[in-house]
């Protein structure tokens, strides 16, 4: 689905990531760890085509990123849901419209999709926040809304960048269970996190691969969970 082969990325003359190879297969579950500044967010951006490598090759759904135009990348990214570390909402729009923005932008809004939106908001426990404005939400509600927006186009892959970084432990567990449930539905999931307790908590819920960025390269961080 997403394949990185000997990928490197540099900011100017400074190499941030080097010689990174990974295949995200259908139904896989990965944790991505590493110290702050190691390049976890940059790595995720490479995985969904927001950045292009300075060396190596990336393939998105069997297409070489280097040969893909802007429209091709945009179409591929509809199959990748991204939960950003600090998800930005439009404060003047009700939450339901914020979550539905990807539908509106891609021209896929329809009565059927409205039903899907209602079901999705119920699934993440935000039915009672349908008309709420983003500033009225708690941190946990914002994170669940960010997950809902990432899922609105029914993607095949979910990439989550520190999805539990700004919430308490109970909410972290709830978000983890939602992501595990998505994986059991066949979705490929990668979670970038510095929270080792979260990874340990996942052990009883899912079979996952733990990866670590260290010394600018991607390494297996111990055995499978």
C-alpha atoms as a PDB file:
ATOM      1  CA  UNK A   1       0.000   0.000   0.000  1.00  0.00           C
ATOM      2  CA  UNK A   2       2.755   2.417   1.031  1.00  0.00           C
ATOM      3  CA  UNK A   3       6.353   1.468   0.365  1.00  0.00           C
ATOM      4  CA  UNK A   4       9.546   3.354   1.186  1.00  0.00           C
ATOM      5  CA  UNK A   5      12.791   2.139  -0.355  1.00  0.00           C
ATOM      6  CA  UNK A   6      16.128   3.613   0.813  1.00  0.00           C
ATOM      7  CA  UNK A   7      14.426   6.935   1.476  1.00  0.00           C
ATOM      8  CA  UNK A   8      16.313   9.964   2.763  1.00  0.00           C
ATOM      9  CA  UNK A   9      15.113  13.450   3.571  1.00  0.00           C
ATOM     10  CA  UNK A  10      17.178  16.574   4.177  1.00  0.00           C
ATOM     11  CA  UNK A  11      16.401  20.121   5.186  1.00  0.00           C
ATOM     12  CA  UNK A  12      18.910  22.045   3.111  1.00  0.00           C
ATOM     13  CA  UNK A  13      22.281  20.403   3.744  1.00  0.00           C
ATOM     14  CA  UNK A  14      21.168  18.790   7.017  1.00  0.00           C
ATOM     15  CA  UNK A  15      20.128  15.146   6.701  1.00  0.00           C
ATOM     16  CA  UNK A  16      17.186  14.352   8.990  1.00  0.00           C
ATOM     17  CA  UNK A  17      16.360  10.837   7.754  1.00  0.00           C
ATOM     18  CA  UNK A  18      18.566   8.430   5.803  1.00  0.00           C
ATOM     19  CA  UNK A  19      18.272   4.984   4.218  1.00  0.00           C
ATOM     20  CA  UNK A  20      14.757   4.256   5.446  1.00  0.00           C
ATOM     21  CA  UNK A  21      12.845   1.296   4.049  1.00  0.00           C
ATOM     22  CA  UNK A  22       9.385   0.066   5.083  1.00  0.00           C
ATOM     23  CA  UNK A  23       6.326  -1.597   3.613  1.00  0.00           C
ATOM     24  CA  UNK A  24       2.950  -0.773   5.135  1.00  0.00           C
ATOM     25  CA  UNK A  25       0.924  -3.825   4.177  1.00  0.00           C
ATOM     26  CA  UNK A  26      -2.880  -4.099   4.274  1.00  0.00           C
ATOM     27  CA  UNK A  27      -4.078  -4.687   7.824  1.00  0.00           C
ATOM     28  CA  UNK A  28      -0.715  -3.938   9.463  1.00  0.00           C
ATOM     29  CA  UNK A  29      -0.419  -2.076  12.759  1.00  0.00           C
ATOM     30  CA  UNK A  30       2.762  -0.146  13.558  1.00  0.00           C
ATOM     31  CA  UNK A  31       3.941   2.089  16.358  1.00  0.00           C
ATOM     32  CA  UNK A  32       6.589   4.644  15.433  1.00  0.00           C
ATOM     33  CA  UNK A  33       8.745   5.905  18.307  1.00  0.00           C
ATOM     34  CA  UNK A  34      11.801   8.054  18.755  1.00  0.00           C
ATOM     35  CA  UNK A  35      12.946  11.094  20.709  1.00  0.00           C
ATOM     36  CA  UNK A  36      11.512  14.538  20.085  1.00  0.00           C
ATOM     37  CA  UNK A  37      13.022  15.972  16.908  1.00  0.00           C
ATOM     38  CA  UNK A  38      13.993  12.549  15.540  1.00  0.00           C
ATOM     39  CA  UNK A  39      11.774  13.030  12.494  1.00  0.00           C
ATOM     40  CA  UNK A  40       8.580  11.095  13.261  1.00  0.00           C
ATOM     41  CA  UNK A  41       6.301  13.780  11.810  1.00  0.00           C
ATOM     42  CA  UNK A  42       8.540  14.154   8.756  1.00  0.00           C
ATOM     43  CA  UNK A  43       8.438  10.397   8.243  1.00  0.00           C
ATOM     44  CA  UNK A  44       4.633  10.393   8.321  1.00  0.00           C
ATOM     45  CA  UNK A  45       4.551  13.278   5.828  1.00  0.00           C
ATOM     46  CA  UNK A  46       6.712  11.217   3.482  1.00  0.00           C
ATOM     47  CA  UNK A  47       4.288   8.311   3.883  1.00  0.00           C
ATOM     48  CA  UNK A  48       1.310  10.351   2.672  1.00  0.00           C
ATOM     49  CA  UNK A  49       3.072  12.371   0.004  1.00  0.00           C
ATOM     50  CA  UNK A  50       3.122  15.745   1.752  1.00  0.00           C
ATOM     51  CA  UNK A  51       6.913  15.659   1.365  1.00  0.00           C
ATOM     52  CA  UNK A  52       8.985  14.101  -1.379  1.00  0.00           C
ATOM     53  CA  UNK A  53      12.235  12.327  -0.521  1.00  0.00           C
ATOM     54  CA  UNK A  54      15.603  13.815  -1.387  1.00  0.00           C
ATOM     55  CA  UNK A  55      16.806  10.270  -2.091  1.00  0.00           C
ATOM     56  CA  UNK A  56      15.171   6.881  -2.571  1.00  0.00           C
ATOM     57  CA  UNK A  57      11.722   5.903  -3.777  1.00  0.00           C
ATOM     58  CA  UNK A  58       8.221   6.023  -2.332  1.00  0.00           C
ATOM     59  CA  UNK A  59       5.273   4.151  -3.802  1.00  0.00           C
ATOM     60  CA  UNK A  60       1.688   5.015  -2.909  1.00  0.00           C
ATOM     61  CA  UNK A  61      -0.761   2.277  -3.867  1.00  0.00           C
ATOM     62  CA  UNK A  62       1.585   0.904  -6.568  1.00  0.00           C
ATOM     63  CA  UNK A  63       2.397   4.322  -8.016  1.00  0.00           C
ATOM     64  CA  UNK A  64       5.857   5.880  -7.887  1.00  0.00           C
ATOM     65  CA  UNK A  65       5.536   9.195  -6.046  1.00  0.00           C
ATOM     66  CA  UNK A  66       8.236  10.753  -8.236  1.00  0.00           C
ATOM     67  CA  UNK A  67       6.025  10.214 -11.281  1.00  0.00           C
ATOM     68  CA  UNK A  68       2.775  11.377  -9.689  1.00  0.00           C
ATOM     69  CA  UNK A  69       1.363  14.819 -10.403  1.00  0.00           C
ATOM     70  CA  UNK A  70      -0.492  16.968  -7.905  1.00  0.00           C
ATOM     71  CA  UNK A  71      -3.877  15.509  -8.827  1.00  0.00           C
ATOM     72  CA  UNK A  72      -2.537  11.947  -8.591  1.00  0.00           C
ATOM     73  CA  UNK A  73      -1.169  12.613  -5.108  1.00  0.00           C
ATOM     74  CA  UNK A  74      -4.422  14.265  -4.027  1.00  0.00           C
ATOM     75  CA  UNK A  75      -6.403  11.257  -5.220  1.00  0.00           C
ATOM     76  CA  UNK A  76      -4.064   8.817  -3.438  1.00  0.00           C
ATOM     77  CA  UNK A  77      -4.308  10.841  -0.241  1.00  0.00           C
ATOM     78  CA  UNK A  78      -8.073  10.270  -0.153  1.00  0.00           C
ATOM     79  CA  UNK A  79      -7.131   6.703   0.767  1.00  0.00           C
ATOM     80  CA  UNK A  80      -4.949   7.881   3.667  1.00  0.00           C
ATOM     81  CA  UNK A  81      -6.494   9.376   6.787  1.00  0.00           C
ATOM     82  CA  UNK A  82      -4.130  11.561   8.797  1.00  0.00           C
ATOM     83  CA  UNK A  83      -4.684  12.458  12.450  1.00  0.00           C
ATOM     84  CA  UNK A  84      -2.455  15.470  13.001  1.00  0.00           C
ATOM     85  CA  UNK A  85      -0.716  16.192  16.285  1.00  0.00           C
ATOM     86  CA  UNK A  86      -2.431  19.576  16.576  1.00  0.00           C
ATOM     87  CA  UNK A  87      -5.523  19.286  14.415  1.00  0.00           C
ATOM     88  CA  UNK A  88      -6.775  22.651  13.184  1.00  0.00           C
ATOM     89  CA  UNK A  89     -10.505  23.312  12.900  1.00  0.00           C
ATOM     90  CA  UNK A  90     -12.437  26.238  11.489  1.00  0.00           C
ATOM     91  CA  UNK A  91     -13.743  27.852  14.673  1.00  0.00           C
ATOM     92  CA  UNK A  92     -16.755  29.475  13.010  1.00  0.00           C
ATOM     93  CA  UNK A  93     -18.132  26.171  11.681  1.00  0.00           C
ATOM     94  CA  UNK A  94     -20.079  23.600  13.725  1.00  0.00           C
ATOM     95  CA  UNK A  95     -18.177  20.423  14.502  1.00  0.00           C
ATOM     96  CA  UNK A  96     -20.164  18.299  12.048  1.00  0.00           C
ATOM     97  CA  UNK A  97     -19.222  20.631   9.180  1.00  0.00           C
ATOM     98  CA  UNK A  98     -15.584  20.570  10.266  1.00  0.00           C
ATOM     99  CA  UNK A  99     -15.535  16.786  10.213  1.00  0.00           C
ATOM    100  CA  UNK A 100     -17.248  16.757   6.811  1.00  0.00           C
ATOM    101  CA  UNK A 101     -14.784  19.206   5.226  1.00  0.00           C
ATOM    102  CA  UNK A 102     -12.870  16.498   3.305  1.00  0.00           C
ATOM    103  CA  UNK A 103     -16.169  15.453   1.709  1.00  0.00           C
ATOM    104  CA  UNK A 104     -16.935  19.027   0.722  1.00  0.00           C
ATOM    105  CA  UNK A 105     -13.466  19.716  -0.656  1.00  0.00           C
ATOM    106  CA  UNK A 106     -13.408  16.487  -2.673  1.00  0.00           C
ATOM    107  CA  UNK A 107     -16.928  17.034  -4.007  1.00  0.00           C
ATOM    108  CA  UNK A 108     -18.280  13.870  -2.408  1.00  0.00           C
ATOM    109  CA  UNK A 109     -20.952  15.392  -0.177  1.00  0.00           C
ATOM    110  CA  UNK A 110     -24.299  13.611  -0.614  1.00  0.00           C
ATOM    111  CA  UNK A 111     -27.320  12.562   1.471  1.00  0.00           C
ATOM    112  CA  UNK A 112     -25.746   9.131   1.880  1.00  0.00           C
ATOM    113  CA  UNK A 113     -22.562  10.714   3.206  1.00  0.00           C
ATOM    114  CA  UNK A 114     -24.611  12.697   5.728  1.00  0.00           C
ATOM    115  CA  UNK A 115     -25.854   9.377   7.111  1.00  0.00           C
ATOM    116  CA  UNK A 116     -22.248   8.171   7.251  1.00  0.00           C
ATOM    117  CA  UNK A 117     -21.261  11.352   9.086  1.00  0.00           C
ATOM    118  CA  UNK A 118     -23.935  10.792  11.719  1.00  0.00           C
ATOM    119  CA  UNK A 119     -22.808   7.189  12.178  1.00  0.00           C
ATOM    120  CA  UNK A 120     -19.160   8.221  12.440  1.00  0.00           C
ATOM    121  CA  UNK A 121     -19.856  10.909  15.034  1.00  0.00           C
ATOM    122  CA  UNK A 122     -21.792   8.375  17.067  1.00  0.00           C
ATOM    123  CA  UNK A 123     -18.909   5.891  16.787  1.00  0.00           C
ATOM    124  CA  UNK A 124     -16.418   8.378  18.268  1.00  0.00           C
ATOM    125  CA  UNK A 125     -18.905   9.489  20.904  1.00  0.00           C
ATOM    126  CA  UNK A 126     -19.593  13.012  19.621  1.00  0.00           C
ATOM    127  CA  UNK A 127     -23.287  12.846  18.717  1.00  0.00           C
ATOM    128  CA  UNK A 128     -24.145  15.464  21.331  1.00  0.00           C
ATOM    129  CA  UNK A 129     -21.502  17.834  19.877  1.00  0.00           C
ATOM    130  CA  UNK A 130     -22.946  17.947  16.358  1.00  0.00           C
ATOM    131  CA  UNK A 131     -23.573  21.714  16.419  1.00  0.00           C
ATOM    132  CA  UNK A 132     -20.821  22.652  18.878  1.00  0.00           C
ATOM    133  CA  UNK A 133     -18.098  25.060  17.797  1.00  0.00           C
ATOM    134  CA  UNK A 134     -14.476  23.837  18.080  1.00  0.00           C
ATOM    135  CA  UNK A 135     -13.533  26.264  20.914  1.00  0.00           C
ATOM    136  CA  UNK A 136     -16.252  24.640  23.030  1.00  0.00           C
ATOM    137  CA  UNK A 137     -14.616  21.190  22.861  1.00  0.00           C
ATOM    138  CA  UNK A 138     -12.361  19.562  25.428  1.00  0.00           C
ATOM    139  CA  UNK A 139      -8.958  18.197  24.423  1.00  0.00           C
ATOM    140  CA  UNK A 140     -10.281  14.656  24.228  1.00  0.00           C
ATOM    141  CA  UNK A 141     -13.258  15.710  22.130  1.00  0.00           C
ATOM    142  CA  UNK A 142     -10.948  17.527  19.708  1.00  0.00           C
ATOM    143  CA  UNK A 143      -8.810  14.417  19.315  1.00  0.00           C
ATOM    144  CA  UNK A 144     -11.850  12.233  18.646  1.00  0.00           C
ATOM    145  CA  UNK A 145     -13.082  14.830  16.159  1.00  0.00           C
ATOM    146  CA  UNK A 146      -9.674  14.765  14.472  1.00  0.00           C
ATOM    147  CA  UNK A 147      -9.942  10.991  14.169  1.00  0.00           C
ATOM    148  CA  UNK A 148     -13.462  11.272  12.753  1.00  0.00           C
ATOM    149  CA  UNK A 149     -12.324  13.787  10.131  1.00  0.00           C
ATOM    150  CA  UNK A 150      -9.453  11.495   9.149  1.00  0.00           C
ATOM    151  CA  UNK A 151     -11.957   8.671   8.637  1.00  0.00           C
ATOM    152  CA  UNK A 152     -14.708  10.529   6.784  1.00  0.00           C
ATOM    153  CA  UNK A 153     -13.472   9.386   3.342  1.00  0.00           C
ATOM    154  CA  UNK A 154     -13.218   5.747   4.505  1.00  0.00           C
ATOM    155  CA  UNK A 155      -9.435   5.529   3.988  1.00  0.00           C
ATOM    156  CA  UNK A 156      -7.436   2.318   3.722  1.00  0.00           C
ATOM    157  CA  UNK A 157      -4.578   3.680   5.844  1.00  0.00           C
ATOM    158  CA  UNK A 158      -4.653   5.749   9.060  1.00  0.00           C
ATOM    159  CA  UNK A 159      -1.526   7.658  10.088  1.00  0.00           C
ATOM    160  CA  UNK A 160      -1.803   9.204  13.557  1.00  0.00           C
ATOM    161  CA  UNK A 161       0.796  11.693  14.797  1.00  0.00           C
ATOM    162  CA  UNK A 162       0.873  11.718  18.620  1.00  0.00           C
ATOM    163  CA  UNK A 163      -2.933  11.283  18.807  1.00  0.00           C
ATOM    164  CA  UNK A 164      -2.861  10.962  22.591  1.00  0.00           C
ATOM    165  CA  UNK A 165      -0.289  13.654  23.310  1.00  0.00           C
ATOM    166  CA  UNK A 166      -2.728  16.213  24.749  1.00  0.00           C
ATOM    167  CA  UNK A 167      -5.218  14.011  26.584  1.00  0.00           C
ATOM    168  CA  UNK A 168      -5.344  12.141  29.878  1.00  0.00           C
ATOM    169  CA  UNK A 169      -4.685   8.425  30.271  1.00  0.00           C
ATOM    170  CA  UNK A 170      -8.334   7.393  30.175  1.00  0.00           C
ATOM    171  CA  UNK A 171      -8.872   9.237  26.895  1.00  0.00           C
ATOM    172  CA  UNK A 172      -5.606   7.810  25.542  1.00  0.00           C
ATOM    173  CA  UNK A 173      -7.002   4.344  26.148  1.00  0.00           C
ATOM    174  CA  UNK A 174     -10.265   5.218  24.438  1.00  0.00           C
ATOM    175  CA  UNK A 175      -8.479   6.560  21.352  1.00  0.00           C
ATOM    176  CA  UNK A 176      -6.230   3.502  21.261  1.00  0.00           C
ATOM    177  CA  UNK A 177      -9.243   1.185  21.341  1.00  0.00           C
ATOM    178  CA  UNK A 178     -10.820   3.096  18.452  1.00  0.00           C
ATOM    179  CA  UNK A 179      -7.652   2.726  16.381  1.00  0.00           C
ATOM    180  CA  UNK A 180      -7.390  -0.964  17.244  1.00  0.00           C
ATOM    181  CA  UNK A 181     -11.009  -1.458  16.214  1.00  0.00           C
ATOM    182  CA  UNK A 182     -10.239   0.196  12.869  1.00  0.00           C
ATOM    183  CA  UNK A 183      -7.319  -2.170  12.390  1.00  0.00           C
ATOM    184  CA  UNK A 184      -9.564  -5.154  13.094  1.00  0.00           C
ATOM    185  CA  UNK A 185     -11.828  -3.836  10.332  1.00  0.00           C
ATOM    186  CA  UNK A 186      -8.881  -4.246   7.949  1.00  0.00           C
ATOM    187  CA  UNK A 187      -7.384  -0.751   8.059  1.00  0.00           C
ATOM    188  CA  UNK A 188      -3.614  -0.250   8.093  1.00  0.00           C
ATOM    189  CA  UNK A 189      -2.628   1.837  11.116  1.00  0.00           C
ATOM    190  CA  UNK A 190       0.583   3.636  12.095  1.00  0.00           C
ATOM    191  CA  UNK A 191       0.773   5.624  15.332  1.00  0.00           C
ATOM    192  CA  UNK A 192       3.698   7.936  15.994  1.00  0.00           C
ATOM    193  CA  UNK A 193       4.081   8.289  19.746  1.00  0.00           C
ATOM    194  CA  UNK A 194       6.574   8.872  22.522  1.00  0.00           C
ATOM    195  CA  UNK A 195       4.225   7.233  25.052  1.00  0.00           C
ATOM    196  CA  UNK A 196       5.707   3.828  25.877  1.00  0.00           C
ATOM    197  CA  UNK A 197       2.866   3.146  28.331  1.00  0.00           C
ATOM    198  CA  UNK A 198       0.433   3.396  25.435  1.00  0.00           C
ATOM    199  CA  UNK A 199       2.441   0.838  23.474  1.00  0.00           C
ATOM    200  CA  UNK A 200       2.513  -1.526  26.445  1.00  0.00           C
ATOM    201  CA  UNK A 201      -1.250  -1.104  26.874  1.00  0.00           C
ATOM    202  CA  UNK A 202      -1.740  -2.153  23.263  1.00  0.00           C
ATOM    203  CA  UNK A 203      -0.079  -5.516  23.850  1.00  0.00           C
ATOM    204  CA  UNK A 204      -3.293  -7.234  24.915  1.00  0.00           C
ATOM    205  CA  UNK A 205      -5.344  -5.591  22.171  1.00  0.00           C
ATOM    206  CA  UNK A 206      -3.444  -5.963  18.902  1.00  0.00           C
ATOM    207  CA  UNK A 207      -0.451  -7.564  17.238  1.00  0.00           C
ATOM    208  CA  UNK A 208       1.727  -4.600  16.308  1.00  0.00           C
ATOM    209  CA  UNK A 209       5.219  -3.864  15.077  1.00  0.00           C
ATOM    210  CA  UNK A 210       7.218  -1.348  17.082  1.00  0.00           C
ATOM    211  CA  UNK A 211       9.591   0.812  15.018  1.00  0.00           C
ATOM    212  CA  UNK A 212      11.986   3.487  16.216  1.00  0.00           C
ATOM    213  CA  UNK A 213      13.726   6.363  14.491  1.00  0.00           C
ATOM    214  CA  UNK A 214      17.240   6.706  15.900  1.00  0.00           C
ATOM    215  CA  UNK A 215      20.438   8.094  14.391  1.00  0.00           C
ATOM    216  CA  UNK A 216      18.389   9.225  11.376  1.00  0.00           C
ATOM    217  CA  UNK A 217      17.411   5.656  10.447  1.00  0.00           C
ATOM    218  CA  UNK A 218      14.415   3.388  11.006  1.00  0.00           C
ATOM    219  CA  UNK A 219      15.045   0.478  13.349  1.00  0.00           C
ATOM    220  CA  UNK A 220      13.018  -2.391  14.761  1.00  0.00           C
ATOM    221  CA  UNK A 221      12.523  -1.578  18.450  1.00  0.00           C
ATOM    222  CA  UNK A 222      12.333  -5.030  19.951  1.00  0.00           C
ATOM    223  CA  UNK A 223       9.958  -7.853  19.204  1.00  0.00           C
ATOM    224  CA  UNK A 224       6.427  -7.616  17.891  1.00  0.00           C
ATOM    225  CA  UNK A 225       3.885  -6.705  20.543  1.00  0.00           C
END
